[in-house]
N, C-alpha and C. Protein backbone atom coordinates (compact mmCIF):
# COMPACT_ATOMS: atom_id res chain seq x y z
N UNK A 1 63.98 -31.35 267.31
CA UNK A 1 62.59 -31.55 267.08
C UNK A 1 62.28 -31.20 265.63
N UNK A 2 61.58 -32.14 264.99
CA UNK A 2 61.27 -31.98 263.58
C UNK A 2 59.86 -31.43 263.44
N UNK A 3 59.67 -30.42 262.64
CA UNK A 3 58.35 -29.83 262.44
C UNK A 3 57.67 -30.47 261.23
N UNK A 4 56.42 -30.73 261.42
CA UNK A 4 55.66 -31.30 260.31
C UNK A 4 55.15 -30.18 259.43
N UNK A 5 55.02 -30.53 258.18
CA UNK A 5 54.43 -29.55 257.27
C UNK A 5 52.93 -29.49 257.54
N UNK A 6 52.46 -28.32 257.70
CA UNK A 6 51.03 -28.16 257.93
C UNK A 6 50.31 -27.91 256.62
N UNK A 7 49.12 -28.52 256.56
CA UNK A 7 48.32 -28.23 255.37
C UNK A 7 47.69 -26.86 255.57
N UNK A 8 47.40 -26.21 254.46
CA UNK A 8 46.81 -24.88 254.60
C UNK A 8 45.48 -24.97 255.35
N UNK A 9 45.23 -23.99 256.14
CA UNK A 9 44.01 -23.97 256.94
C UNK A 9 42.80 -23.83 256.01
N UNK A 10 41.81 -24.67 256.28
CA UNK A 10 40.60 -24.62 255.48
C UNK A 10 39.77 -23.44 255.94
N UNK A 11 39.39 -22.65 254.98
CA UNK A 11 38.52 -21.53 255.34
C UNK A 11 37.16 -21.78 254.69
N UNK A 12 36.14 -21.43 255.40
CA UNK A 12 34.78 -21.66 254.91
C UNK A 12 34.18 -20.32 254.52
N UNK A 13 33.68 -20.31 253.30
CA UNK A 13 32.97 -19.13 252.83
C UNK A 13 31.50 -19.35 253.22
N UNK A 14 31.09 -18.78 254.34
CA UNK A 14 29.76 -19.04 254.87
C UNK A 14 28.65 -18.52 253.97
N UNK A 15 28.91 -17.46 253.25
CA UNK A 15 27.89 -16.95 252.33
C UNK A 15 27.64 -17.96 251.21
N UNK A 16 28.73 -18.50 250.67
CA UNK A 16 28.62 -19.50 249.61
C UNK A 16 27.94 -20.77 250.15
N UNK A 17 28.34 -21.18 251.36
CA UNK A 17 27.74 -22.35 251.99
C UNK A 17 26.23 -22.16 252.18
N UNK A 18 25.84 -20.99 252.67
CA UNK A 18 24.43 -20.69 252.90
C UNK A 18 23.66 -20.70 251.59
N UNK A 19 24.28 -20.18 250.54
CA UNK A 19 23.64 -20.16 249.22
C UNK A 19 23.42 -21.58 248.71
N UNK A 20 24.45 -22.44 248.83
CA UNK A 20 24.32 -23.83 248.39
C UNK A 20 23.29 -24.59 249.24
N UNK A 21 23.33 -24.37 250.55
CA UNK A 21 22.38 -25.03 251.44
C UNK A 21 20.95 -24.62 251.10
N UNK A 22 20.76 -23.37 250.77
CA UNK A 22 19.43 -22.88 250.42
C UNK A 22 18.94 -23.54 249.13
N UNK A 23 19.84 -23.65 248.14
CA UNK A 23 19.46 -24.31 246.88
C UNK A 23 19.15 -25.78 247.12
N UNK A 24 19.96 -26.43 247.96
CA UNK A 24 19.74 -27.84 248.26
C UNK A 24 18.39 -28.01 248.97
N UNK A 25 18.11 -27.11 249.92
CA UNK A 25 16.85 -27.18 250.66
C UNK A 25 15.66 -26.99 249.71
N UNK A 26 15.77 -26.03 248.80
CA UNK A 26 14.71 -25.80 247.82
C UNK A 26 14.49 -27.04 246.96
N UNK A 27 15.59 -27.66 246.54
CA UNK A 27 15.50 -28.86 245.72
C UNK A 27 14.83 -30.00 246.47
N UNK A 28 15.20 -30.18 247.73
CA UNK A 28 14.60 -31.23 248.55
C UNK A 28 13.11 -30.98 248.73
N UNK A 29 12.75 -29.74 249.02
CA UNK A 29 11.34 -29.40 249.21
C UNK A 29 10.56 -29.64 247.92
N UNK A 30 11.14 -29.28 246.77
CA UNK A 30 10.48 -29.53 245.49
C UNK A 30 10.26 -31.03 245.28
N UNK A 31 11.28 -31.84 245.60
CA UNK A 31 11.14 -33.29 245.44
C UNK A 31 10.05 -33.84 246.36
N UNK A 32 10.00 -33.34 247.59
CA UNK A 32 8.97 -33.79 248.52
C UNK A 32 7.59 -33.40 248.00
N UNK A 33 7.47 -32.17 247.49
CA UNK A 33 6.19 -31.72 246.95
C UNK A 33 5.75 -32.59 245.77
N UNK A 34 6.70 -32.92 244.88
CA UNK A 34 6.38 -33.77 243.73
C UNK A 34 5.92 -35.15 244.18
N UNK A 35 6.64 -35.73 245.14
CA UNK A 35 6.28 -37.05 245.65
C UNK A 35 4.90 -37.00 246.33
N UNK A 36 4.65 -35.95 247.08
CA UNK A 36 3.36 -35.79 247.74
C UNK A 36 2.24 -35.71 246.71
N UNK A 37 2.45 -34.90 245.66
CA UNK A 37 1.43 -34.77 244.61
C UNK A 37 1.19 -36.10 243.91
N UNK A 38 2.28 -36.85 243.65
CA UNK A 38 2.12 -38.17 243.04
C UNK A 38 1.32 -39.11 243.94
N UNK A 39 1.60 -39.06 245.24
CA UNK A 39 0.87 -39.89 246.19
C UNK A 39 -0.61 -39.53 246.22
N UNK A 40 -0.91 -38.22 246.25
CA UNK A 40 -2.30 -37.78 246.27
C UNK A 40 -3.01 -38.24 244.99
N UNK A 41 -2.36 -38.08 243.83
CA UNK A 41 -2.95 -38.54 242.57
C UNK A 41 -3.21 -40.05 242.61
N UNK A 42 -2.24 -40.79 243.11
CA UNK A 42 -2.38 -42.25 243.21
C UNK A 42 -3.57 -42.62 244.11
N UNK A 43 -3.70 -41.93 245.23
CA UNK A 43 -4.81 -42.21 246.15
C UNK A 43 -6.15 -41.88 245.51
N UNK A 44 -6.21 -40.77 244.76
CA UNK A 44 -7.45 -40.42 244.06
C UNK A 44 -7.80 -41.49 243.02
N UNK A 45 -6.80 -41.92 242.23
CA UNK A 45 -7.03 -42.96 241.24
C UNK A 45 -7.51 -44.25 241.90
N UNK A 46 -6.87 -44.62 242.99
CA UNK A 46 -7.26 -45.84 243.70
C UNK A 46 -8.68 -45.75 244.23
N UNK A 47 -9.04 -44.58 244.74
CA UNK A 47 -10.41 -44.39 245.25
C UNK A 47 -11.43 -44.50 244.13
N UNK A 48 -11.11 -43.91 242.96
CA UNK A 48 -12.02 -44.01 241.82
C UNK A 48 -12.17 -45.46 241.37
N UNK A 49 -11.05 -46.18 241.30
CA UNK A 49 -11.11 -47.59 240.89
C UNK A 49 -11.89 -48.42 241.89
N UNK A 50 -11.71 -48.14 243.17
CA UNK A 50 -12.44 -48.88 244.21
C UNK A 50 -13.94 -48.61 244.09
N UNK A 51 -14.31 -47.36 243.85
CA UNK A 51 -15.72 -47.02 243.69
C UNK A 51 -16.30 -47.72 242.48
N UNK A 52 -15.56 -47.70 241.38
CA UNK A 52 -16.00 -48.37 240.16
C UNK A 52 -16.15 -49.87 240.41
N UNK A 53 -15.19 -50.44 241.09
CA UNK A 53 -15.23 -51.87 241.40
C UNK A 53 -16.43 -52.19 242.28
N UNK A 54 -16.71 -51.32 243.25
CA UNK A 54 -17.86 -51.53 244.14
C UNK A 54 -19.16 -51.49 243.33
N UNK A 55 -19.26 -50.53 242.40
CA UNK A 55 -20.46 -50.43 241.57
C UNK A 55 -20.62 -51.67 240.71
N UNK A 56 -19.51 -52.13 240.10
CA UNK A 56 -19.58 -53.33 239.27
C UNK A 56 -19.99 -54.54 240.10
N UNK A 57 -19.43 -54.65 241.31
CA UNK A 57 -19.77 -55.76 242.19
C UNK A 57 -21.25 -55.72 242.55
N UNK A 58 -21.76 -54.53 242.83
CA UNK A 58 -23.18 -54.39 243.17
C UNK A 58 -24.05 -54.79 241.99
N UNK A 59 -23.67 -54.35 240.79
CA UNK A 59 -24.44 -54.70 239.60
C UNK A 59 -24.40 -56.21 239.35
N UNK A 60 -23.21 -56.81 239.50
CA UNK A 60 -23.10 -58.26 239.32
C UNK A 60 -23.94 -59.01 240.35
N UNK A 61 -23.91 -58.55 241.59
CA UNK A 61 -24.71 -59.20 242.63
C UNK A 61 -26.19 -59.12 242.30
N UNK A 62 -26.63 -57.96 241.80
CA UNK A 62 -28.04 -57.78 241.42
C UNK A 62 -28.40 -58.75 240.29
N UNK A 63 -27.53 -58.83 239.27
CA UNK A 63 -27.79 -59.75 238.16
C UNK A 63 -27.84 -61.20 238.64
N UNK A 64 -26.94 -61.56 239.55
CA UNK A 64 -26.92 -62.93 240.07
C UNK A 64 -28.21 -63.22 240.83
N UNK A 65 -28.67 -62.27 241.65
CA UNK A 65 -29.92 -62.48 242.38
C UNK A 65 -31.08 -62.66 241.41
N UNK A 66 -31.12 -61.84 240.35
CA UNK A 66 -32.19 -61.97 239.35
C UNK A 66 -32.14 -63.33 238.67
N UNK A 67 -30.92 -63.77 238.29
CA UNK A 67 -30.78 -65.08 237.64
C UNK A 67 -31.20 -66.21 238.58
N UNK A 68 -30.80 -66.11 239.84
CA UNK A 68 -31.19 -67.14 240.80
C UNK A 68 -32.70 -67.18 240.97
N UNK A 69 -33.32 -66.00 241.01
CA UNK A 69 -34.77 -65.93 241.14
C UNK A 69 -35.44 -66.56 239.92
N UNK A 70 -34.92 -66.24 238.72
CA UNK A 70 -35.46 -66.83 237.49
C UNK A 70 -35.29 -68.35 237.50
N UNK A 71 -34.09 -68.81 237.90
CA UNK A 71 -33.84 -70.25 237.95
C UNK A 71 -34.77 -70.93 238.94
N UNK A 72 -35.00 -70.29 240.07
CA UNK A 72 -35.89 -70.85 241.08
C UNK A 72 -37.31 -70.92 240.53
N UNK A 73 -37.75 -69.86 239.86
CA UNK A 73 -39.09 -69.84 239.26
C UNK A 73 -39.22 -70.93 238.21
N UNK A 74 -38.19 -71.05 237.35
CA UNK A 74 -38.21 -72.09 236.32
C UNK A 74 -38.20 -73.47 236.96
N UNK A 75 -37.43 -73.62 238.02
CA UNK A 75 -37.37 -74.91 238.72
C UNK A 75 -38.72 -75.27 239.32
N UNK A 76 -39.38 -74.28 239.94
CA UNK A 76 -40.71 -74.53 240.49
C UNK A 76 -41.69 -74.90 239.38
N UNK A 77 -41.61 -74.20 238.25
CA UNK A 77 -42.50 -74.50 237.12
C UNK A 77 -42.25 -75.92 236.62
N UNK A 78 -40.98 -76.32 236.55
CA UNK A 78 -40.66 -77.67 236.09
C UNK A 78 -41.20 -78.71 237.06
N UNK A 79 -41.10 -78.43 238.36
CA UNK A 79 -41.64 -79.36 239.36
C UNK A 79 -43.15 -79.46 239.21
N UNK A 80 -43.81 -78.32 239.01
CA UNK A 80 -45.26 -78.34 238.83
C UNK A 80 -45.64 -79.10 237.56
N UNK A 81 -44.90 -78.90 236.48
CA UNK A 81 -45.16 -79.64 235.24
C UNK A 81 -45.02 -81.13 235.47
N UNK A 82 -43.96 -81.52 236.16
CA UNK A 82 -43.72 -82.93 236.46
C UNK A 82 -44.87 -83.50 237.30
N UNK A 83 -45.32 -82.70 238.27
CA UNK A 83 -46.41 -83.13 239.14
C UNK A 83 -47.69 -83.33 238.32
N UNK A 84 -47.97 -82.40 237.39
CA UNK A 84 -49.15 -82.51 236.53
C UNK A 84 -49.08 -83.75 235.65
N UNK A 85 -47.89 -84.01 235.11
CA UNK A 85 -47.72 -85.19 234.25
C UNK A 85 -47.98 -86.46 235.06
N UNK A 86 -47.42 -86.55 236.28
CA UNK A 86 -47.63 -87.73 237.12
C UNK A 86 -49.12 -87.90 237.45
N UNK A 87 -49.77 -86.76 237.77
CA UNK A 87 -51.20 -86.81 238.10
C UNK A 87 -52.02 -87.28 236.90
N UNK A 88 -51.69 -86.78 235.71
CA UNK A 88 -52.40 -87.18 234.49
C UNK A 88 -52.19 -88.67 234.22
N UNK A 89 -50.96 -89.17 234.43
CA UNK A 89 -50.70 -90.60 234.23
C UNK A 89 -51.51 -91.45 235.21
N UNK A 90 -51.57 -90.99 236.47
CA UNK A 90 -52.35 -91.74 237.46
C UNK A 90 -53.83 -91.74 237.09
N UNK A 91 -54.33 -90.57 236.66
CA UNK A 91 -55.74 -90.49 236.28
C UNK A 91 -56.02 -91.40 235.09
N UNK A 92 -55.12 -91.37 234.12
CA UNK A 92 -55.29 -92.22 232.94
C UNK A 92 -55.25 -93.69 233.34
N UNK A 93 -54.30 -94.02 234.21
CA UNK A 93 -54.18 -95.42 234.66
C UNK A 93 -55.43 -95.83 235.42
N UNK A 94 -55.97 -94.94 236.24
CA UNK A 94 -57.19 -95.25 236.98
C UNK A 94 -58.36 -95.45 236.03
N UNK A 95 -58.48 -94.57 235.03
CA UNK A 95 -59.57 -94.70 234.06
C UNK A 95 -59.44 -96.00 233.28
N UNK A 96 -58.23 -96.32 232.87
CA UNK A 96 -57.98 -97.54 232.10
C UNK A 96 -58.32 -98.76 232.95
N UNK A 97 -57.94 -98.70 234.23
CA UNK A 97 -58.23 -99.81 235.13
C UNK A 97 -59.73 -99.96 235.30
N UNK A 98 -60.43 -98.86 235.46
CA UNK A 98 -61.89 -98.92 235.62
C UNK A 98 -62.56 -99.46 234.37
N UNK A 99 -62.00 -99.09 233.22
CA UNK A 99 -62.60 -99.52 231.96
C UNK A 99 -62.37 -101.01 231.72
N UNK A 100 -61.25 -101.53 232.16
CA UNK A 100 -60.94 -102.93 231.87
C UNK A 100 -61.36 -103.87 232.99
N UNK A 101 -61.65 -103.38 234.15
CA UNK A 101 -62.03 -104.28 235.24
C UNK A 101 -63.49 -104.67 235.09
N UNK A 102 -63.77 -105.94 235.42
CA UNK A 102 -65.18 -106.38 235.31
C UNK A 102 -66.01 -105.67 236.37
N UNK A 103 -67.09 -105.19 235.94
CA UNK A 103 -67.94 -104.48 236.88
C UNK A 103 -68.98 -105.45 237.42
N UNK A 104 -69.24 -105.33 238.65
CA UNK A 104 -70.23 -106.23 239.25
C UNK A 104 -71.57 -105.50 239.30
N UNK A 105 -72.33 -105.64 238.23
CA UNK A 105 -73.62 -104.97 238.15
C UNK A 105 -74.74 -105.93 238.32
């Protein structure tokens, strides 16, 4: 029977392992904390931008309503002007017709 050469038995230094595991755990926790802080900052920035965007949208909507109201008022004024012009033309045409038509007196 032939004996195989055995590799030396691995021994674990548990104190060293615990020390490394503790450092690794601290590093992981630090990374998680940094990522969490970055996420919170990003969410705050996004909320500020959304609020700003909402305010701008509200202001633009207000300006649009004012412009539409002005356009409507101007449109009504133009219609009234047109109506007055047509009425004046009819009155003038009626007067001219009365002046040129033979009167039966």
